[in-house]
Amino acid sequence: MEHVFIKLLESNNSNFSHRMFSLQALGKIFKLPRAVLEIYVNYDCTLDEECLMEKIINILEKISLGRYLKVFIFYNI
């Protein structure tokens, strides 16, 4: 998840369609309450793993606040 969806959202080299694919995939995952719980329990509640849900939510926050807006608009034209 981190090596595909998050990398596509954070990378300056990703085009608009790749970013939208990542957002749509995350949207489908977040519609499944059990999947969200599993991601949180397996990645955020262990000391050995990086906080994946926190990272995803931070990226979605940046998108919603328009911090990635220039990149999305640039590739959409």
Protein backbone atom coordinates (compact mmCIF):
# COMPACT_ATOMS: atom_id res chain seq x y z
CA MET A 1 0.00 0.00 0.00
CA GLU A 2 2.72 2.41 0.97
CA HIS A 3 4.97 1.54 -1.95
CA VAL A 4 2.23 2.00 -4.54
CA PHE A 5 -0.62 4.29 -3.53
CA ILE A 6 1.26 6.62 -1.20
CA LYS A 7 4.28 6.87 -3.50
CA LEU A 8 2.02 7.78 -6.42
CA LEU A 9 0.32 10.51 -4.39
CA GLU A 10 3.56 11.98 -3.04
CA SER A 11 5.70 11.76 -6.16
CA ASN A 12 6.19 14.80 -8.36
CA ASN A 13 6.64 12.42 -11.31
CA SER A 14 3.14 10.91 -11.04
CA ASN A 15 0.63 12.06 -13.60
CA PHE A 16 -2.98 13.00 -12.91
CA SER A 17 -4.45 9.61 -13.85
CA HIS A 18 -2.07 7.76 -11.51
CA ARG A 19 -2.96 10.08 -8.64
CA MET A 20 -6.67 9.71 -9.29
CA PHE A 21 -6.29 5.92 -9.45
CA SER A 22 -4.60 6.01 -6.03
CA LEU A 23 -7.33 8.20 -4.56
CA GLN A 24 -10.06 5.97 -5.98
CA ALA A 25 -8.36 2.85 -4.61
CA LEU A 26 -7.99 4.42 -1.18
CA GLY A 27 -11.65 5.46 -1.35
CA LYS A 28 -12.71 1.88 -1.99
CA ILE A 29 -10.52 0.63 0.86
CA PHE A 30 -11.90 3.23 3.28
CA LYS A 31 -15.46 2.16 2.47
CA LEU A 32 -14.69 -1.18 4.14
CA PRO A 33 -14.66 -0.57 7.91
CA ARG A 34 -12.93 -3.89 8.57
CA ALA A 35 -10.10 -3.04 6.17
CA VAL A 36 -9.49 0.31 7.85
CA LEU A 37 -9.41 -1.38 11.25
CA GLU A 38 -7.01 -4.05 9.99
CA ILE A 39 -4.65 -1.46 8.52
CA TYR A 40 -4.69 0.50 11.77
CA VAL A 41 -4.14 -2.54 13.99
CA ASN A 42 -1.46 -4.12 11.82
CA TYR A 43 0.56 -1.02 10.98
CA ASP A 44 -0.15 1.76 13.46
CA CYS A 45 -0.30 -0.28 16.66
CA THR A 46 3.10 -1.94 16.31
CA LEU A 47 6.45 -0.43 17.18
CA ASP A 48 8.24 -1.99 14.21
CA GLU A 49 6.05 -0.53 11.47
CA GLU A 50 5.51 3.00 10.25
CA CYS A 51 2.17 4.65 11.06
CA LEU A 52 0.44 3.95 7.75
CA MET A 53 -3.03 5.30 8.57
CA GLU A 54 -1.51 8.48 9.96
CA LYS A 55 0.48 8.94 6.76
CA ILE A 56 -2.58 8.34 4.55
CA ILE A 57 -4.71 10.76 6.55
CA ASN A 58 -1.97 13.42 6.40
CA ILE A 59 -1.78 13.07 2.60
CA LEU A 60 -5.57 13.30 2.28
CA GLU A 61 -5.52 16.37 4.51
CA LYS A 62 -2.93 18.05 2.26
CA ILE A 63 -5.04 17.26 -0.80
CA SER A 64 -8.19 18.59 0.83
CA LEU A 65 -6.43 21.80 1.88
CA GLY A 66 -5.20 22.34 -1.68
CA ARG A 67 -1.50 21.79 -1.05
CA TYR A 68 -1.35 19.29 -3.90
CA LEU A 69 -3.81 21.27 -6.01
CA LYS A 70 -1.19 22.75 -8.37
CA VAL A 71 0.13 19.31 -9.22
CA PHE A 72 -3.38 17.93 -9.88
CA ILE A 73 -4.38 20.89 -12.05
CA PHE A 74 -1.09 20.86 -13.98
CA TYR A 75 -1.47 17.23 -15.00
CA ASN A 76 -5.19 17.50 -15.73
CA ILE A 77 -4.74 20.11 -18.47
